Amino acid sequence: MTTEKIIFNGNRYQIIVVSDESTGYIEISAVCKDSGRCSRITNLNCVLSELIEPIMGAKFVRKVEDSDICVENKEKHAKLVRYIRLQFEEPIYGRLAYLEDALDEDRENGEWEEVNDEV
């Protein structure tokens, strides 16, 4: 099985990273713990600029559709998934707390329609 689902628990949000090595697909979602509302956030500016671009660089081939990303090179896909995991697991960076602040702002500026029953 090549699909992997990684869950990170922040203070206000649960971050879910779904990746499929065989297709190169990566999706990052956030679920508000209070309301259960969720949104795919892979294309959120802070995620793109601080999680995806630094590790992949401007030269990699990718396809971004709506709120997911496709990394066609399997090695780069695996490297990106490891990097995302490290950023959310390593408390010294405070990446998850920073992301939660950006998610609060995103929720204020848009609508998170979908409700996730898993939280």
N, C-alpha and C. Protein backbone atom coordinates (compact mmCIF):
# COMPACT_ATOMS: atom_id res chain seq x y z
N MET A 1 0.84 -1.19 0.00
CA MET A 1 0.00 0.00 0.00
C MET A 1 0.89 1.24 0.00
N THR A 2 0.61 2.13 -0.87
CA THR A 2 1.45 3.31 -1.00
C THR A 2 0.80 4.57 -0.43
N THR A 3 -0.46 4.52 -0.03
CA THR A 3 -1.13 5.68 0.54
C THR A 3 -0.84 5.75 2.03
N GLU A 4 -0.48 6.94 2.48
CA GLU A 4 -0.15 7.15 3.89
C GLU A 4 -0.95 8.34 4.41
N LYS A 5 -1.48 8.21 5.61
CA LYS A 5 -2.21 9.29 6.27
C LYS A 5 -1.52 9.58 7.59
N ILE A 6 -1.06 10.83 7.74
CA ILE A 6 -0.34 11.24 8.95
C ILE A 6 -1.18 12.33 9.61
N ILE A 7 -1.39 12.20 10.93
CA ILE A 7 -2.21 13.16 11.66
C ILE A 7 -1.37 13.85 12.72
N PHE A 8 -1.45 15.17 12.75
CA PHE A 8 -0.76 15.99 13.75
C PHE A 8 -1.82 16.73 14.56
N ASN A 9 -1.70 16.68 15.87
CA ASN A 9 -2.66 17.36 16.73
C ASN A 9 -2.08 18.64 17.29
N GLY A 10 -2.65 19.76 16.86
CA GLY A 10 -2.27 21.05 17.40
C GLY A 10 -3.21 21.42 18.53
N ASN A 11 -3.15 22.66 18.96
CA ASN A 11 -4.04 23.11 20.03
C ASN A 11 -5.46 23.32 19.53
N ARG A 12 -5.60 23.94 18.35
CA ARG A 12 -6.93 24.28 17.83
C ARG A 12 -7.30 23.49 16.58
N TYR A 13 -6.32 22.88 15.94
CA TYR A 13 -6.56 22.18 14.69
C TYR A 13 -5.88 20.81 14.69
N GLN A 14 -6.46 19.94 13.91
CA GLN A 14 -5.83 18.67 13.59
C GLN A 14 -5.39 18.79 12.14
N ILE A 15 -4.13 18.52 11.87
CA ILE A 15 -3.59 18.60 10.52
C ILE A 15 -3.45 17.18 9.98
N ILE A 16 -4.00 16.95 8.80
CA ILE A 16 -3.98 15.62 8.19
C ILE A 16 -3.24 15.70 6.87
N VAL A 17 -2.19 14.90 6.74
CA VAL A 17 -1.41 14.84 5.50
C VAL A 17 -1.68 13.47 4.86
N VAL A 18 -2.19 13.48 3.64
CA VAL A 18 -2.44 12.25 2.89
C VAL A 18 -1.51 12.27 1.70
N SER A 19 -0.76 11.19 1.53
CA SER A 19 0.14 11.11 0.39
C SER A 19 0.04 9.72 -0.25
N ASP A 20 0.25 9.71 -1.54
CA ASP A 20 0.23 8.46 -2.29
C ASP A 20 1.49 8.43 -3.14
N GLU A 21 2.41 7.58 -2.76
CA GLU A 21 3.70 7.50 -3.45
C GLU A 21 3.56 7.09 -4.91
N SER A 22 2.60 6.23 -5.21
CA SER A 22 2.47 5.72 -6.58
C SER A 22 1.99 6.79 -7.56
N THR A 23 1.20 7.74 -7.08
CA THR A 23 0.69 8.80 -7.96
C THR A 23 1.39 10.13 -7.75
N GLY A 24 2.11 10.28 -6.63
CA GLY A 24 2.77 11.54 -6.30
C GLY A 24 1.85 12.53 -5.61
N TYR A 25 0.63 12.13 -5.32
CA TYR A 25 -0.39 12.99 -4.74
C TYR A 25 -0.07 13.32 -3.28
N ILE A 26 -0.25 14.59 -2.93
CA ILE A 26 -0.12 15.02 -1.53
C ILE A 26 -1.24 16.02 -1.26
N GLU A 27 -1.92 15.82 -0.15
CA GLU A 27 -2.98 16.73 0.28
C GLU A 27 -2.78 17.01 1.76
N ILE A 28 -2.89 18.28 2.14
CA ILE A 28 -2.82 18.65 3.55
C ILE A 28 -4.15 19.30 3.92
N SER A 29 -4.79 18.77 4.95
CA SER A 29 -6.08 19.30 5.40
C SER A 29 -5.97 19.75 6.85
N ALA A 30 -6.85 20.66 7.21
CA ALA A 30 -6.94 21.11 8.60
C ALA A 30 -8.37 20.94 9.06
N VAL A 31 -8.52 20.48 10.31
CA VAL A 31 -9.84 20.32 10.90
C VAL A 31 -9.86 21.14 12.19
N CYS A 32 -10.81 22.07 12.28
CA CYS A 32 -10.97 22.87 13.49
C CYS A 32 -11.54 21.97 14.58
N LYS A 33 -10.85 21.88 15.70
CA LYS A 33 -11.29 20.98 16.76
C LYS A 33 -12.60 21.44 17.41
N ASP A 34 -12.84 22.74 17.47
CA ASP A 34 -14.07 23.24 18.10
C ASP A 34 -15.30 23.01 17.24
N SER A 35 -15.20 23.33 15.97
CA SER A 35 -16.38 23.28 15.10
C SER A 35 -16.47 22.01 14.25
N GLY A 36 -15.34 21.33 14.06
CA GLY A 36 -15.32 20.17 13.18
C GLY A 36 -15.23 20.55 11.71
N ARG A 37 -15.22 21.84 11.41
CA ARG A 37 -15.11 22.30 10.02
C ARG A 37 -13.70 22.02 9.50
N CYS A 38 -13.63 21.67 8.23
CA CYS A 38 -12.32 21.33 7.67
C CYS A 38 -12.14 21.94 6.29
N SER A 39 -10.90 22.03 5.90
CA SER A 39 -10.54 22.57 4.60
C SER A 39 -9.21 21.98 4.17
N ARG A 40 -9.09 21.72 2.87
CA ARG A 40 -7.79 21.33 2.35
C ARG A 40 -6.94 22.59 2.27
N ILE A 41 -5.73 22.54 2.79
CA ILE A 41 -4.89 23.74 2.91
C ILE A 41 -3.58 23.63 2.16
N THR A 42 -3.43 22.62 1.32
CA THR A 42 -2.17 22.43 0.59
C THR A 42 -1.78 23.67 -0.18
N ASN A 43 -2.77 24.41 -0.69
CA ASN A 43 -2.48 25.59 -1.49
C ASN A 43 -2.50 26.89 -0.69
N LEU A 44 -2.61 26.81 0.62
CA LEU A 44 -2.53 28.00 1.47
C LEU A 44 -1.13 28.60 1.32
N ASN A 45 -1.04 29.91 1.18
CA ASN A 45 0.24 30.56 0.89
C ASN A 45 1.36 30.14 1.84
N CYS A 46 1.08 30.11 3.15
CA CYS A 46 2.16 29.77 4.09
C CYS A 46 2.59 28.32 3.94
N VAL A 47 1.69 27.44 3.52
CA VAL A 47 2.06 26.04 3.31
C VAL A 47 2.92 25.92 2.06
N LEU A 48 2.49 26.57 0.99
CA LEU A 48 3.27 26.53 -0.25
C LEU A 48 4.65 27.14 -0.07
N SER A 49 4.68 28.33 0.53
CA SER A 49 5.95 29.06 0.59
C SER A 49 6.89 28.55 1.67
N GLU A 50 6.37 27.95 2.73
CA GLU A 50 7.24 27.55 3.84
C GLU A 50 7.42 26.05 3.98
N LEU A 51 6.54 25.27 3.41
CA LEU A 51 6.69 23.81 3.52
C LEU A 51 7.06 23.18 2.18
N ILE A 52 6.40 23.59 1.13
CA ILE A 52 6.59 22.91 -0.15
C ILE A 52 7.74 23.50 -0.95
N GLU A 53 7.74 24.79 -1.17
CA GLU A 53 8.79 25.41 -1.99
C GLU A 53 10.21 25.24 -1.45
N PRO A 54 10.45 25.40 -0.14
CA PRO A 54 11.84 25.26 0.34
C PRO A 54 12.46 23.90 0.06
N ILE A 55 11.68 22.86 0.15
CA ILE A 55 12.25 21.54 -0.04
C ILE A 55 12.27 21.14 -1.52
N MET A 56 11.30 21.60 -2.29
CA MET A 56 11.20 21.18 -3.67
C MET A 56 11.93 22.13 -4.62
N GLY A 57 12.03 23.39 -4.28
CA GLY A 57 12.67 24.35 -5.16
C GLY A 57 11.77 24.71 -6.32
N ALA A 58 12.19 25.64 -7.10
CA ALA A 58 11.37 26.14 -8.20
C ALA A 58 11.47 25.27 -9.44
N LYS A 59 12.42 24.35 -9.50
CA LYS A 59 12.66 23.60 -10.73
C LYS A 59 11.93 22.26 -10.81
N PHE A 60 11.34 21.82 -9.70
CA PHE A 60 10.70 20.51 -9.75
C PHE A 60 9.39 20.58 -10.55
N VAL A 61 9.02 19.46 -11.11
CA VAL A 61 7.79 19.39 -11.90
C VAL A 61 6.65 19.04 -10.95
N ARG A 62 5.64 19.88 -10.95
CA ARG A 62 4.50 19.60 -10.10
C ARG A 62 3.24 20.09 -10.78
N LYS A 63 2.17 19.54 -10.33
CA LYS A 63 0.87 19.95 -10.80
C LYS A 63 0.05 20.29 -9.57
N VAL A 64 -0.48 21.48 -9.51
CA VAL A 64 -1.32 21.89 -8.39
C VAL A 64 -2.73 22.08 -8.91
N GLU A 65 -3.66 21.37 -8.33
CA GLU A 65 -5.06 21.50 -8.70
C GLU A 65 -5.86 21.73 -7.42
N ASP A 66 -6.62 22.79 -7.41
CA ASP A 66 -7.42 23.13 -6.24
C ASP A 66 -6.54 23.11 -4.99
N SER A 67 -6.66 22.06 -4.20
CA SER A 67 -5.94 22.03 -2.93
C SER A 67 -5.07 20.80 -2.77
N ASP A 68 -4.56 20.29 -3.85
CA ASP A 68 -3.63 19.17 -3.74
C ASP A 68 -2.44 19.43 -4.64
N ILE A 69 -1.44 18.61 -4.48
CA ILE A 69 -0.21 18.76 -5.26
C ILE A 69 0.21 17.38 -5.75
N CYS A 70 0.83 17.36 -6.90
CA CYS A 70 1.32 16.10 -7.45
C CYS A 70 2.81 16.27 -7.74
N VAL A 71 3.62 15.48 -7.06
CA VAL A 71 5.06 15.50 -7.26
C VAL A 71 5.40 14.24 -8.05
N GLU A 72 5.75 14.42 -9.30
CA GLU A 72 5.89 13.28 -10.20
C GLU A 72 7.12 12.42 -9.92
N ASN A 73 8.16 12.98 -9.33
CA ASN A 73 9.38 12.24 -9.02
C ASN A 73 9.20 11.57 -7.65
N LYS A 74 9.31 10.24 -7.60
CA LYS A 74 9.06 9.50 -6.35
C LYS A 74 10.03 9.88 -5.24
N GLU A 75 11.29 10.11 -5.59
CA GLU A 75 12.27 10.50 -4.57
C GLU A 75 11.93 11.87 -3.98
N LYS A 76 11.55 12.81 -4.83
CA LYS A 76 11.17 14.14 -4.35
C LYS A 76 9.88 14.08 -3.55
N HIS A 77 8.96 13.22 -3.96
CA HIS A 77 7.72 13.03 -3.21
C HIS A 77 8.03 12.55 -1.79
N ALA A 78 8.86 11.54 -1.69
CA ALA A 78 9.21 10.99 -0.38
C ALA A 78 9.95 12.03 0.46
N LYS A 79 10.82 12.79 -0.17
CA LYS A 79 11.57 13.83 0.54
C LYS A 79 10.63 14.91 1.07
N LEU A 80 9.65 15.30 0.27
CA LEU A 80 8.69 16.32 0.70
C LEU A 80 7.84 15.82 1.86
N VAL A 81 7.38 14.58 1.80
CA VAL A 81 6.57 14.02 2.89
C VAL A 81 7.40 13.96 4.18
N ARG A 82 8.66 13.54 4.09
CA ARG A 82 9.53 13.51 5.28
C ARG A 82 9.73 14.91 5.85
N TYR A 83 9.92 15.89 4.97
CA TYR A 83 10.13 17.27 5.40
C TYR A 83 8.88 17.83 6.09
N ILE A 84 7.71 17.59 5.53
CA ILE A 84 6.47 18.05 6.15
C ILE A 84 6.32 17.41 7.53
N ARG A 85 6.57 16.11 7.61
CA ARG A 85 6.47 15.41 8.89
C ARG A 85 7.43 16.01 9.92
N LEU A 86 8.66 16.26 9.53
CA LEU A 86 9.65 16.84 10.43
C LEU A 86 9.21 18.22 10.93
N GLN A 87 8.67 19.04 10.03
CA GLN A 87 8.26 20.38 10.42
C GLN A 87 7.16 20.37 11.46
N PHE A 88 6.26 19.40 11.40
CA PHE A 88 5.16 19.34 12.36
C PHE A 88 5.50 18.52 13.60
N GLU A 89 6.46 17.62 13.52
CA GLU A 89 6.83 16.81 14.67
C GLU A 89 7.86 17.50 15.55
N GLU A 90 8.69 18.32 14.98
CA GLU A 90 9.79 18.94 15.71
C GLU A 90 9.30 20.19 16.45
N PRO A 91 9.18 20.11 17.78
CA PRO A 91 8.62 21.24 18.54
C PRO A 91 9.50 22.49 18.54
N ILE A 92 10.78 22.34 18.28
CA ILE A 92 11.68 23.48 18.34
C ILE A 92 11.33 24.54 17.29
N TYR A 93 10.77 24.12 16.17
CA TYR A 93 10.44 25.05 15.10
C TYR A 93 9.15 25.83 15.37
N GLY A 94 8.23 25.26 16.13
CA GLY A 94 6.96 25.91 16.40
C GLY A 94 6.11 26.06 15.14
N ARG A 95 6.35 25.21 14.16
CA ARG A 95 5.68 25.31 12.86
C ARG A 95 4.17 25.11 13.00
N LEU A 96 3.76 24.17 13.84
CA LEU A 96 2.34 23.88 13.98
C LEU A 96 1.59 25.07 14.60
N ALA A 97 2.18 25.69 15.62
CA ALA A 97 1.55 26.86 16.24
C ALA A 97 1.43 28.01 15.25
N TYR A 98 2.47 28.22 14.45
CA TYR A 98 2.45 29.26 13.42
C TYR A 98 1.36 28.97 12.39
N LEU A 99 1.25 27.72 11.97
CA LEU A 99 0.25 27.34 11.00
C LEU A 99 -1.16 27.55 11.56
N GLU A 100 -1.35 27.26 12.84
CA GLU A 100 -2.67 27.45 13.43
C GLU A 100 -3.10 28.92 13.39
N ASP A 101 -2.16 29.83 13.60
CA ASP A 101 -2.48 31.26 13.49
C ASP A 101 -2.90 31.61 12.06
N ALA A 102 -2.20 31.07 11.07
CA ALA A 102 -2.55 31.30 9.67
C ALA A 102 -3.92 30.69 9.34
N LEU A 103 -4.22 29.55 9.94
CA LEU A 103 -5.51 28.90 9.71
C LEU A 103 -6.65 29.72 10.31
N ASP A 104 -6.42 30.32 11.48
CA ASP A 104 -7.43 31.20 12.08
C ASP A 104 -7.77 32.33 11.11
N GLU A 105 -6.73 32.93 10.53
CA GLU A 105 -6.93 34.02 9.58
C GLU A 105 -7.65 33.53 8.33
N ASP A 106 -7.27 32.36 7.83
CA ASP A 106 -7.91 31.79 6.65
C ASP A 106 -9.39 31.53 6.90
N ARG A 107 -9.72 31.03 8.07
CA ARG A 107 -11.12 30.76 8.41
C ARG A 107 -11.91 32.06 8.51
N GLU A 108 -11.29 33.13 9.02
CA GLU A 108 -11.97 34.42 9.12
C GLU A 108 -12.25 35.01 7.74
N ASN A 109 -11.38 34.74 6.78
CA ASN A 109 -11.50 35.33 5.44
C ASN A 109 -12.28 34.47 4.45
N GLY A 110 -12.58 33.26 4.81
CA GLY A 110 -13.27 32.37 3.88
C GLY A 110 -14.25 31.48 4.63
N GLU A 111 -14.77 30.55 3.90
CA GLU A 111 -15.74 29.64 4.50
C GLU A 111 -15.19 28.22 4.48
N TRP A 112 -15.26 27.60 5.59
CA TRP A 112 -14.91 26.18 5.70
C TRP A 112 -16.24 25.45 5.83
N GLU A 113 -16.74 24.95 4.75
CA GLU A 113 -18.08 24.38 4.71
C GLU A 113 -18.15 22.95 5.25
N GLU A 114 -17.20 22.17 4.86
CA GLU A 114 -17.24 20.75 5.16
C GLU A 114 -17.05 20.50 6.65
N VAL A 115 -17.78 19.52 7.18
CA VAL A 115 -17.65 19.14 8.58
C VAL A 115 -17.03 17.75 8.63
N ASN A 116 -15.99 17.60 9.45
CA ASN A 116 -15.30 16.34 9.61
C ASN A 116 -15.79 15.70 10.89
N ASP A 117 -16.34 14.52 10.81
CA ASP A 117 -16.89 13.82 11.97
C ASP A 117 -15.85 13.05 12.76
N GLU A 118 -14.61 13.00 12.26
CA GLU A 118 -13.57 12.19 12.90
C GLU A 118 -12.96 12.87 14.12
N VAL A 119 -13.11 14.20 14.26
CA VAL A 119 -12.46 14.92 15.36
C VAL A 119 -13.29 14.82 16.61
